[in-house]
C-alpha atoms as a PDB file:
ATOM      1  CA  UNK A   1     117.056 313.220  24.219  1.00  0.00           C
ATOM      2  CA  UNK A   2     115.671 314.404  27.617  1.00  0.00           C
ATOM      3  CA  UNK A   3     115.526 312.104  30.710  1.00  0.00           C
ATOM      4  CA  UNK A   4     112.146 310.946  31.651  1.00  0.00           C
ATOM      5  CA  UNK A   5     111.597 311.784  35.234  1.00  0.00           C
ATOM      6  CA  UNK A   6     108.967 309.473  37.409  1.00  0.00           C
ATOM      7  CA  UNK A   7     105.767 310.305  38.418  1.00  0.00           C
ATOM      8  CA  UNK A   8     105.460 311.629  42.081  1.00  0.00           C
ATOM      9  CA  UNK A   9     102.838 309.600  44.039  1.00  0.00           C
ATOM     10  CA  UNK A  10     102.964 310.733  47.134  1.00  0.00           C
ATOM     11  CA  UNK A  11     104.404 307.684  49.190  1.00  0.00           C
ATOM     12  CA  UNK A  12     106.847 309.341  50.942  1.00  0.00           C
ATOM     13  CA  UNK A  13     105.548 310.725  54.439  1.00  0.00           C
ATOM     14  CA  UNK A  14     107.566 313.591  55.884  1.00  0.00           C
ATOM     15  CA  UNK A  15     105.526 313.637  58.875  1.00  0.00           C
ATOM     16  CA  UNK A  16     108.048 312.271  61.708  1.00  0.00           C
ATOM     17  CA  UNK A  17     104.913 311.554  64.288  1.00  0.00           C
ATOM     18  CA  UNK A  18     103.299 309.286  61.911  1.00  0.00           C
ATOM     19  CA  UNK A  19     106.099 307.252  60.943  1.00  0.00           C
ATOM     20  CA  UNK A  20     106.836 306.722  64.306  1.00  0.00           C
ATOM     21  CA  UNK A  21     103.311 305.269  64.776  1.00  0.00           C
ATOM     22  CA  UNK A  22     103.561 303.444  62.083  1.00  0.00           C
ATOM     23  CA  UNK A  23     106.906 301.872  63.200  1.00  0.00           C
ATOM     24  CA  UNK A  24     105.089 301.149  66.685  1.00  0.00           C
ATOM     25  CA  UNK A  25     102.665 299.211  64.958  1.00  0.00           C
ATOM     26  CA  UNK A  26     104.804 297.367  63.380  1.00  0.00           C
ATOM     27  CA  UNK A  27     106.760 296.587  66.544  1.00  0.00           C
ATOM     28  CA  UNK A  28     103.505 295.141  68.016  1.00  0.00           C
ATOM     29  CA  UNK A  29     102.600 293.132  65.239  1.00  0.00           C
ATOM     30  CA  UNK A  30     105.986 291.838  65.023  1.00  0.00           C
ATOM     31  CA  UNK A  31     105.939 290.942  69.088  1.00  0.00           C
ATOM     32  CA  UNK A  32     102.305 289.715  68.663  1.00  0.00           C
ATOM     33  CA  UNK A  33     103.485 287.086  66.184  1.00  0.00           C
ATOM     34  CA  UNK A  34     106.426 286.181  68.139  1.00  0.00           C
ATOM     35  CA  UNK A  35     104.285 285.652  71.137  1.00  0.00           C
ATOM     36  CA  UNK A  36     101.728 283.713  69.164  1.00  0.00           C
ATOM     37  CA  UNK A  37     104.774 281.380  68.191  1.00  0.00           C
ATOM     38  CA  UNK A  38     105.488 280.589  71.189  1.00  0.00           C
ATOM     39  CA  UNK A  39     102.428 279.805  73.151  1.00  0.00           C
ATOM     40  CA  UNK A  40     101.236 277.978  69.937  1.00  0.00           C
ATOM     41  CA  UNK A  41     100.579 273.988  70.732  1.00  0.00           C
ATOM     42  CA  UNK A  42     103.093 271.444  69.901  1.00  0.00           C
ATOM     43  CA  UNK A  43     102.671 269.359  66.934  1.00  0.00           C
ATOM     44  CA  UNK A  44     103.906 265.022  66.442  1.00  0.00           C
ATOM     45  CA  UNK A  45     104.215 263.609  63.981  1.00  0.00           C
ATOM     46  CA  UNK A  46     102.233 260.171  63.125  1.00  0.00           C
ATOM     47  CA  UNK A  47     105.579 257.710  64.242  1.00  0.00           C
ATOM     48  CA  UNK A  48     105.591 259.863  67.478  1.00  0.00           C
ATOM     49  CA  UNK A  49     101.901 259.973  68.284  1.00  0.00           C
ATOM     50  CA  UNK A  50     102.200 256.006  68.260  1.00  0.00           C
ATOM     51  CA  UNK A  51     104.732 255.965  70.426  1.00  0.00           C
ATOM     52  CA  UNK A  52     103.398 257.742  72.623  1.00  0.00           C
ATOM     53  CA  UNK A  53     100.011 255.394  72.570  1.00  0.00           C
ATOM     54  CA  UNK A  54     102.290 252.154  72.885  1.00  0.00           C
ATOM     55  CA  UNK A  55     104.375 253.523  76.103  1.00  0.00           C
ATOM     56  CA  UNK A  56     101.002 254.617  77.472  1.00  0.00           C
ATOM     57  CA  UNK A  57      99.176 251.172  77.085  1.00  0.00           C
ATOM     58  CA  UNK A  58     102.043 249.308  78.357  1.00  0.00           C
ATOM     59  CA  UNK A  59     102.163 251.454  81.519  1.00  0.00           C
ATOM     60  CA  UNK A  60      98.181 250.899  81.714  1.00  0.00           C
ATOM     61  CA  UNK A  61      98.777 247.479  81.367  1.00  0.00           C
ATOM     62  CA  UNK A  62     101.689 246.968  84.293  1.00  0.00           C
ATOM     63  CA  UNK A  63      99.405 249.356  86.585  1.00  0.00           C
ATOM     64  CA  UNK A  64      96.575 246.732  86.107  1.00  0.00           C
ATOM     65  CA  UNK A  65      98.628 243.853  86.701  1.00  0.00           C
ATOM     66  CA  UNK A  66      99.571 245.034  89.843  1.00  0.00           C
ATOM     67  CA  UNK A  67      96.663 246.311  91.255  1.00  0.00           C
ATOM     68  CA  UNK A  68      95.268 242.605  90.235  1.00  0.00           C
ATOM     69  CA  UNK A  69      98.272 240.816  91.788  1.00  0.00           C
ATOM     70  CA  UNK A  70      97.778 243.166  95.350  1.00  0.00           C
ATOM     71  CA  UNK A  71      94.286 241.970  95.359  1.00  0.00           C
ATOM     72  CA  UNK A  72      95.278 238.227  94.749  1.00  0.00           C
ATOM     73  CA  UNK A  73      97.692 239.029  97.520  1.00  0.00           C
ATOM     74  CA  UNK A  74      95.179 240.151  99.937  1.00  0.00           C
ATOM     75  CA  UNK A  75      92.927 237.155  99.348  1.00  0.00           C
ATOM     76  CA  UNK A  76      95.471 234.766  99.591  1.00  0.00           C
ATOM     77  CA  UNK A  77      96.303 236.559 103.272  1.00  0.00           C
ATOM     78  CA  UNK A  78      93.213 236.283 104.073  1.00  0.00           C
ATOM     79  CA  UNK A  79      92.566 232.905 103.190  1.00  0.00           C
ATOM     80  CA  UNK A  80      95.959 231.583 104.626  1.00  0.00           C
ATOM     81  CA  UNK A  81      95.092 233.632 108.483  1.00  0.00           C
ATOM     82  CA  UNK A  82      91.560 231.821 107.996  1.00  0.00           C
ATOM     83  CA  UNK A  83      93.503 228.423 107.620  1.00  0.00           C
ATOM     84  CA  UNK A  84      96.317 228.878 110.552  1.00  0.00           C
ATOM     85  CA  UNK A  85      93.233 229.919 112.456  1.00  0.00           C
ATOM     86  CA  UNK A  86      91.753 226.629 112.077  1.00  0.00           C
ATOM     87  CA  UNK A  87      95.207 224.720 112.537  1.00  0.00           C
ATOM     88  CA  UNK A  88      94.364 223.953 116.315  1.00  0.00           C
ATOM     89  CA  UNK A  89      90.939 223.099 116.150  1.00  0.00           C
ATOM     90  CA  UNK A  90      92.414 220.442 113.028  1.00  0.00           C
ATOM     91  CA  UNK A  91      94.751 219.261 115.424  1.00  0.00           C
ATOM     92  CA  UNK A  92      91.983 218.392 118.089  1.00  0.00           C
ATOM     93  CA  UNK A  93      89.549 216.737 115.771  1.00  0.00           C
ATOM     94  CA  UNK A  94      92.334 214.688 114.377  1.00  0.00           C
ATOM     95  CA  UNK A  95      93.462 213.157 117.579  1.00  0.00           C
ATOM     96  CA  UNK A  96      89.850 212.821 118.715  1.00  0.00           C
ATOM     97  CA  UNK A  97      89.019 210.687 115.440  1.00  0.00           C
ATOM     98  CA  UNK A  98      92.521 209.243 115.749  1.00  0.00           C
ATOM     99  CA  UNK A  99      91.665 207.851 119.605  1.00  0.00           C
ATOM    100  CA  UNK A 100      88.463 206.851 118.495  1.00  0.00           C
ATOM    101  CA  UNK A 101      89.641 204.720 115.793  1.00  0.00           C
ATOM    102  CA  UNK A 102      92.326 202.979 118.437  1.00  0.00           C
ATOM    103  CA  UNK A 103      89.338 202.230 120.496  1.00  0.00           C
ATOM    104  CA  UNK A 104      87.134 200.609 117.583  1.00  0.00           C
ATOM    105  CA  UNK A 105      90.075 198.811 116.290  1.00  0.00           C
ATOM    106  CA  UNK A 106      90.791 196.960 119.871  1.00  0.00           C
ATOM    107  CA  UNK A 107      87.324 196.276 120.321  1.00  0.00           C
ATOM    108  CA  UNK A 108      87.013 194.957 116.363  1.00  0.00           C
ATOM    109  CA  UNK A 109      90.149 192.878 116.976  1.00  0.00           C
ATOM    110  CA  UNK A 110      88.655 190.887 119.961  1.00  0.00           C
ATOM    111  CA  UNK A 111      85.543 190.569 118.127  1.00  0.00           C
ATOM    112  CA  UNK A 112      87.072 189.132 114.972  1.00  0.00           C
ATOM    113  CA  UNK A 113      89.038 186.913 117.184  1.00  0.00           C
ATOM    114  CA  UNK A 114      85.856 185.813 119.549  1.00  0.00           C
ATOM    115  CA  UNK A 115      84.412 184.880 115.862  1.00  0.00           C
ATOM    116  CA  UNK A 116      87.835 182.967 114.098  1.00  0.00           C
ATOM    117  CA  UNK A 117      89.096 181.318 117.394  1.00  0.00           C
ATOM    118  CA  UNK A 118      86.307 178.419 117.770  1.00  0.00           C
ATOM    119  CA  UNK A 119      86.602 177.919 113.905  1.00  0.00           C
ATOM    120  CA  UNK A 120      90.464 177.928 113.839  1.00  0.00           C
ATOM    121  CA  UNK A 121      91.087 175.608 117.231  1.00  0.00           C
ATOM    122  CA  UNK A 122      88.584 172.743 115.927  1.00  0.00           C
ATOM    123  CA  UNK A 123      89.765 169.704 115.792  1.00  0.00           C
ATOM    124  CA  UNK A 124      92.625 170.501 117.851  1.00  0.00           C
ATOM    125  CA  UNK A 125      90.848 170.120 121.431  1.00  0.00           C
ATOM    126  CA  UNK A 126      92.575 166.808 122.453  1.00  0.00           C
ATOM    127  CA  UNK A 127      96.306 168.376 121.127  1.00  0.00           C
ATOM    128  CA  UNK A 128      95.639 171.202 123.202  1.00  0.00           C
ATOM    129  CA  UNK A 129      94.679 169.214 126.420  1.00  0.00           C
ATOM    130  CA  UNK A 130      97.975 166.952 125.638  1.00  0.00           C
ATOM    131  CA  UNK A 131      99.976 169.956 125.732  1.00  0.00           C
ATOM    132  CA  UNK A 132      98.167 171.167 129.136  1.00  0.00           C
ATOM    133  CA  UNK A 133      99.041 168.052 130.922  1.00  0.00           C
ATOM    134  CA  UNK A 134     102.195 167.759 129.188  1.00  0.00           C
ATOM    135  CA  UNK A 135     103.762 170.768 130.744  1.00  0.00           C
ATOM    136  CA  UNK A 136     102.067 169.785 134.376  1.00  0.00           C
ATOM    137  CA  UNK A 137     103.508 166.753 134.338  1.00  0.00           C
ATOM    138  CA  UNK A 138     107.148 168.409 133.521  1.00  0.00           C
ATOM    139  CA  UNK A 139     106.837 169.855 137.729  1.00  0.00           C
ATOM    140  CA  UNK A 140     104.533 167.253 139.460  1.00  0.00           C
ATOM    141  CA  UNK A 141     107.311 164.031 139.116  1.00  0.00           C
ATOM    142  CA  UNK A 142     107.773 164.265 143.389  1.00  0.00           C
ATOM    143  CA  UNK A 143     103.685 163.938 143.655  1.00  0.00           C
ATOM    144  CA  UNK A 144     102.256 160.893 144.875  1.00  0.00           C
ATOM    145  CA  UNK A 145      99.360 161.518 142.868  1.00  0.00           C
ATOM    146  CA  UNK A 146      97.645 163.072 140.674  1.00  0.00           C
ATOM    147  CA  UNK A 147      94.208 163.614 139.282  1.00  0.00           C
ATOM    148  CA  UNK A 148      93.269 164.766 135.618  1.00  0.00           C
ATOM    149  CA  UNK A 149      89.761 166.050 134.660  1.00  0.00           C
ATOM    150  CA  UNK A 150      88.741 166.389 131.083  1.00  0.00           C
ATOM    151  CA  UNK A 151      85.496 166.376 128.873  1.00  0.00           C
ATOM    152  CA  UNK A 152      84.106 163.031 128.994  1.00  0.00           C
ATOM    153  CA  UNK A 153      84.470 163.095 124.937  1.00  0.00           C
ATOM    154  CA  UNK A 154      88.128 162.769 124.867  1.00  0.00           C
ATOM    155  CA  UNK A 155      88.822 160.707 128.128  1.00  0.00           C
ATOM    156  CA  UNK A 156      89.375 157.531 126.101  1.00  0.00           C
ATOM    157  CA  UNK A 157      91.213 159.172 123.029  1.00  0.00           C
ATOM    158  CA  UNK A 158      93.399 160.412 126.006  1.00  0.00           C
ATOM    159  CA  UNK A 159      93.730 157.352 128.680  1.00  0.00           C
ATOM    160  CA  UNK A 160      96.717 155.905 126.602  1.00  0.00           C
ATOM    161  CA  UNK A 161      98.494 159.231 125.766  1.00  0.00           C
ATOM    162  CA  UNK A 162      98.521 160.340 129.481  1.00  0.00           C
ATOM    163  CA  UNK A 163     100.270 157.217 130.772  1.00  0.00           C
ATOM    164  CA  UNK A 164     103.056 157.601 127.698  1.00  0.00           C
ATOM    165  CA  UNK A 165     103.821 161.598 129.001  1.00  0.00           C
ATOM    166  CA  UNK A 166     103.760 160.216 132.262  1.00  0.00           C
ATOM    167  CA  UNK A 167     106.315 157.650 131.801  1.00  0.00           C
ATOM    168  CA  UNK A 168     108.416 160.169 129.393  1.00  0.00           C
ATOM    169  CA  UNK A 169     109.082 162.032 132.554  1.00  0.00           C
ATOM    170  CA  UNK A 170     109.566 159.724 135.041  1.00  0.00           C
ATOM    171  CA  UNK A 171     106.451 159.932 136.673  1.00  0.00           C
ATOM    172  CA  UNK A 172     106.111 156.703 139.150  1.00  0.00           C
ATOM    173  CA  UNK A 173     103.077 157.815 140.947  1.00  0.00           C
ATOM    174  CA  UNK A 174      99.224 157.612 140.623  1.00  0.00           C
ATOM    175  CA  UNK A 175      97.587 158.993 137.846  1.00  0.00           C
ATOM    176  CA  UNK A 176      93.560 159.638 138.086  1.00  0.00           C
ATOM    177  CA  UNK A 177      91.894 160.295 134.831  1.00  0.00           C
ATOM    178  CA  UNK A 178      88.446 161.286 135.255  1.00  0.00           C
ATOM    179  CA  UNK A 179      85.719 162.077 132.264  1.00  0.00           C
ATOM    180  CA  UNK A 180      83.883 165.013 133.747  1.00  0.00           C
ATOM    181  CA  UNK A 181      80.742 165.615 131.497  1.00  0.00           C
ATOM    182  CA  UNK A 182      80.441 169.386 133.187  1.00  0.00           C
ATOM    183  CA  UNK A 183      83.447 170.347 131.119  1.00  0.00           C
ATOM    184  CA  UNK A 184      83.692 171.515 127.455  1.00  0.00           C
ATOM    185  CA  UNK A 185      86.128 169.477 125.050  1.00  0.00           C
ATOM    186  CA  UNK A 186      88.474 172.914 125.416  1.00  0.00           C
ATOM    187  CA  UNK A 187      89.129 172.752 129.228  1.00  0.00           C
ATOM    188  CA  UNK A 188      90.729 169.990 131.440  1.00  0.00           C
ATOM    189  CA  UNK A 189      92.099 170.618 135.335  1.00  0.00           C
ATOM    190  CA  UNK A 190      94.993 168.710 136.413  1.00  0.00           C
ATOM    191  CA  UNK A 191      95.419 168.781 140.362  1.00  0.00           C
ATOM    192  CA  UNK A 192      97.445 167.127 142.953  1.00  0.00           C
ATOM    193  CA  UNK A 193      98.131 167.780 147.162  1.00  0.00           C
ATOM    194  CA  UNK A 194      99.421 171.431 146.768  1.00  0.00           C
ATOM    195  CA  UNK A 195      97.328 172.799 144.147  1.00  0.00           C
ATOM    196  CA  UNK A 196      96.047 172.545 140.145  1.00  0.00           C
ATOM    197  CA  UNK A 197      96.358 173.559 137.077  1.00  0.00           C
ATOM    198  CA  UNK A 198      93.532 174.348 134.961  1.00  0.00           C
ATOM    199  CA  UNK A 199      92.503 175.180 131.423  1.00  0.00           C
ATOM    200  CA  UNK A 200      89.229 177.420 131.213  1.00  0.00           C
ATOM    201  CA  UNK A 201      88.135 179.016 127.706  1.00  0.00           C
ATOM    202  CA  UNK A 202      85.544 180.703 129.448  1.00  0.00           C
ATOM    203  CA  UNK A 203      87.961 182.540 132.041  1.00  0.00           C
ATOM    204  CA  UNK A 204      90.543 183.098 129.416  1.00  0.00           C
ATOM    205  CA  UNK A 205      88.089 185.418 127.386  1.00  0.00           C
ATOM    206  CA  UNK A 206      87.097 187.307 130.450  1.00  0.00           C
ATOM    207  CA  UNK A 207      90.687 188.234 131.134  1.00  0.00           C
ATOM    208  CA  UNK A 208      91.067 189.001 127.552  1.00  0.00           C
ATOM    209  CA  UNK A 209      88.130 190.793 127.665  1.00  0.00           C
ATOM    210  CA  UNK A 210      89.549 192.692 130.488  1.00  0.00           C
ATOM    211  CA  UNK A 211      92.559 193.762 128.993  1.00  0.00           C
ATOM    212  CA  UNK A 212      90.175 194.975 126.317  1.00  0.00           C
ATOM    213  CA  UNK A 213      88.798 197.266 128.610  1.00  0.00           C
ATOM    214  CA  UNK A 214      91.556 198.425 130.174  1.00  0.00           C
ATOM    215  CA  UNK A 215      93.247 199.251 127.043  1.00  0.00           C
ATOM    216  CA  UNK A 216      90.185 201.254 125.986  1.00  0.00           C
ATOM    217  CA  UNK A 217      89.621 203.071 129.361  1.00  0.00           C
ATOM    218  CA  UNK A 218      93.474 204.002 128.706  1.00  0.00           C
ATOM    219  CA  UNK A 219      91.589 206.209 125.493  1.00  0.00           C
ATOM    220  CA  UNK A 220      90.543 209.581 125.734  1.00  0.00           C
ATOM    221  CA  UNK A 221      86.938 209.386 126.194  1.00  0.00           C
ATOM    222  CA  UNK A 222      84.605 209.188 123.152  1.00  0.00           C
ATOM    223  CA  UNK A 223      83.750 212.656 121.267  1.00  0.00           C
ATOM    224  CA  UNK A 224      80.583 213.684 119.658  1.00  0.00           C
ATOM    225  CA  UNK A 225      83.048 213.548 116.465  1.00  0.00           C
ATOM    226  CA  UNK A 226      81.093 210.860 113.490  1.00  0.00           C
ATOM    227  CA  UNK A 227      77.975 210.623 115.470  1.00  0.00           C
ATOM    228  CA  UNK A 228      76.189 210.430 112.556  1.00  0.00           C
ATOM    229  CA  UNK A 229      78.054 207.198 111.859  1.00  0.00           C
ATOM    230  CA  UNK A 230      76.014 204.144 112.753  1.00  0.00           C
ATOM    231  CA  UNK A 231      76.866 202.657 115.852  1.00  0.00           C
ATOM    232  CA  UNK A 232      79.002 199.738 115.923  1.00  0.00           C
ATOM    233  CA  UNK A 233      77.342 196.226 116.706  1.00  0.00           C
ATOM    234  CA  UNK A 234      77.258 195.135 120.330  1.00  0.00           C
ATOM    235  CA  UNK A 235      78.771 191.822 121.361  1.00  0.00           C
ATOM    236  CA  UNK A 236      76.936 190.013 124.274  1.00  0.00           C
ATOM    237  CA  UNK A 237      78.796 188.156 126.761  1.00  0.00           C
ATOM    238  CA  UNK A 238      79.399 184.832 124.642  1.00  0.00           C
ATOM    239  CA  UNK A 239      80.745 186.938 122.121  1.00  0.00           C
ATOM    240  CA  UNK A 240      78.114 186.934 119.487  1.00  0.00           C
ATOM    241  CA  UNK A 241      77.626 189.489 116.898  1.00  0.00           C
ATOM    242  CA  UNK A 242      73.808 190.532 115.004  1.00  0.00           C
ATOM    243  CA  UNK A 243      72.876 188.032 112.412  1.00  0.00           C
ATOM    244  CA  UNK A 244      73.936 190.047 109.595  1.00  0.00           C
ATOM    245  CA  UNK A 245      77.261 190.133 111.105  1.00  0.00           C
ATOM    246  CA  UNK A 246      77.700 186.479 111.606  1.00  0.00           C
ATOM    247  CA  UNK A 247      76.376 185.676 108.100  1.00  0.00           C
ATOM    248  CA  UNK A 248      79.337 187.841 106.247  1.00  0.00           C
ATOM    249  CA  UNK A 249      81.717 186.006 108.906  1.00  0.00           C
ATOM    250  CA  UNK A 250      79.935 182.353 108.051  1.00  0.00           C
ATOM    251  CA  UNK A 251      80.072 183.430 104.116  1.00  0.00           C
ATOM    252  CA  UNK A 252      83.956 184.882 105.012  1.00  0.00           C
ATOM    253  CA  UNK A 253      84.646 181.467 106.448  1.00  0.00           C
ATOM    254  CA  UNK A 254      83.345 178.970 103.842  1.00  0.00           C
ATOM    255  CA  UNK A 255      85.070 181.354 101.407  1.00  0.00           C
ATOM    256  CA  UNK A 256      88.191 180.560 102.625  1.00  0.00           C
ATOM    257  CA  UNK A 257      87.160 176.664 103.439  1.00  0.00           C
ATOM    258  CA  UNK A 258      86.688 176.469  99.608  1.00  0.00           C
ATOM    259  CA  UNK A 259      89.663 178.352  98.871  1.00  0.00           C
ATOM    260  CA  UNK A 260      92.480 176.014 100.566  1.00  0.00           C
ATOM    261  CA  UNK A 261      93.797 172.627 100.040  1.00  0.00           C
ATOM    262  CA  UNK A 262      92.587 169.976 102.556  1.00  0.00           C
ATOM    263  CA  UNK A 263      95.795 169.326 104.177  1.00  0.00           C
ATOM    264  CA  UNK A 264      97.363 165.532 105.207  1.00  0.00           C
ATOM    265  CA  UNK A 265      96.381 163.764 108.273  1.00  0.00           C
ATOM    266  CA  UNK A 266      99.981 164.131 109.907  1.00  0.00           C
ATOM    267  CA  UNK A 267     101.032 167.471 108.728  1.00  0.00           C
ATOM    268  CA  UNK A 268      97.790 169.236 109.008  1.00  0.00           C
ATOM    269  CA  UNK A 269      96.962 167.976 112.503  1.00  0.00           C
ATOM    270  CA  UNK A 270     100.874 168.821 113.509  1.00  0.00           C
ATOM    271  CA  UNK A 271     100.015 172.445 111.919  1.00  0.00           C
ATOM    272  CA  UNK A 272      96.971 172.548 114.386  1.00  0.00           C
ATOM    273  CA  UNK A 273      98.772 171.835 117.275  1.00  0.00           C
ATOM    274  CA  UNK A 274     101.424 174.480 116.727  1.00  0.00           C
ATOM    275  CA  UNK A 275      99.083 176.886 116.201  1.00  0.00           C
ATOM    276  CA  UNK A 276      96.892 175.974 119.010  1.00  0.00           C
ATOM    277  CA  UNK A 277      99.806 175.864 121.192  1.00  0.00           C
ATOM    278  CA  UNK A 278     100.363 179.558 121.902  1.00  0.00           C
ATOM    279  CA  UNK A 279      96.434 179.702 122.804  1.00  0.00           C
ATOM    280  CA  UNK A 280      97.178 176.817 125.492  1.00  0.00           C
ATOM    281  CA  UNK A 281      99.941 178.454 126.907  1.00  0.00           C
ATOM    282  CA  UNK A 282      97.919 181.834 127.736  1.00  0.00           C
ATOM    283  CA  UNK A 283      94.923 179.978 128.917  1.00  0.00           C
ATOM    284  CA  UNK A 284      96.863 178.080 131.908  1.00  0.00           C
ATOM    285  CA  UNK A 285      95.979 179.583 135.373  1.00  0.00           C
ATOM    286  CA  UNK A 286      97.365 177.980 138.740  1.00  0.00           C
ATOM    287  CA  UNK A 287      95.830 177.941 141.766  1.00  0.00           C
ATOM    288  CA  UNK A 288      96.271 176.265 144.808  1.00  0.00           C
ATOM    289  CA  UNK A 289      93.647 174.157 146.690  1.00  0.00           C
ATOM    290  CA  UNK A 290      93.061 171.031 148.675  1.00  0.00           C
ATOM    291  CA  UNK A 291      91.650 168.820 146.388  1.00  0.00           C
ATOM    292  CA  UNK A 292      89.401 165.782 148.103  1.00  0.00           C
ATOM    293  CA  UNK A 293      91.689 162.838 146.855  1.00  0.00           C
ATOM    294  CA  UNK A 294      92.756 159.547 148.199  1.00  0.00           C
ATOM    295  CA  UNK A 295      96.372 159.495 148.911  1.00  0.00           C
ATOM    296  CA  UNK A 296      98.518 156.313 149.431  1.00  0.00           C
ATOM    297  CA  UNK A 297      99.698 155.568 153.100  1.00  0.00           C
ATOM    298  CA  UNK A 298     103.226 154.900 151.499  1.00  0.00           C
ATOM    299  CA  UNK A 299     104.842 156.700 148.729  1.00  0.00           C
ATOM    300  CA  UNK A 300     106.523 153.310 147.575  1.00  0.00           C
ATOM    301  CA  UNK A 301     103.195 151.892 146.867  1.00  0.00           C
ATOM    302  CA  UNK A 302     101.922 154.192 144.673  1.00  0.00           C
ATOM    303  CA  UNK A 303     100.745 152.705 141.342  1.00  0.00           C
ATOM    304  CA  UNK A 304      99.531 154.402 138.229  1.00  0.00           C
ATOM    305  CA  UNK A 305      96.390 153.780 138.091  1.00  0.00           C
ATOM    306  CA  UNK A 306      93.557 154.323 135.612  1.00  0.00           C
ATOM    307  CA  UNK A 307      90.177 155.534 136.372  1.00  0.00           C
END
């Protein structure tokens, strides 16, 4: 059986130059593919994309918070700088307010005392006068004659008590008790040959006013702070305030009187005497003068006489 030969298809190329062209073209195509593969954009999976998104979000959030905090810190720094620049002014303003409050407190205290003192000492005039006379007798035991001037309305209630006080301290001279219609019930005058002791409520208030003025004048001058606040009511020489203040004070006194129980006769008098004693101590002033009185020619003949 004869072998069948394949047909010749003319696929073989015997031209060497042409084959080189084909090889160069194939090499160029291969290089082009490699270059294209090297320059192709990268590809990512969905997980990688999600992770990249989350990382970018967190980074942006952190940068935003940092920028916001930087702005806040800058605003705080500006605010603190403004506060620090005003501290000096605030301190000076506070000092002026304090001085004005101290000044007003001193005047207010004096005004309140002027309004309360007459009510607190009402009914204690006689014990106060007795206290002054008793103090005077302590250092007048060697005087031959003592003259006591009191208000006319308390002359009779005081007459027997004066003799008793003189005898208690061993005074053996002459005691002259005179009711002076020009004196008020809270005032008295004890005089002897070399001087006198006087209790004058008006003079006491004058001394208190002088002390108040000295205290107020020692404070810094009043500034314009609080100029929109109504001025405090003026107090006249007699210590009287406007009607509204008097009305408020009277209402307060009535309320206090209504709420306090009435004291017993003896204990109440003792309490008032104890309350009035310090006031009497501060109201005694001593002056030296030569009173016009008739002294006995012989001290041995001195006796206690009532006038």
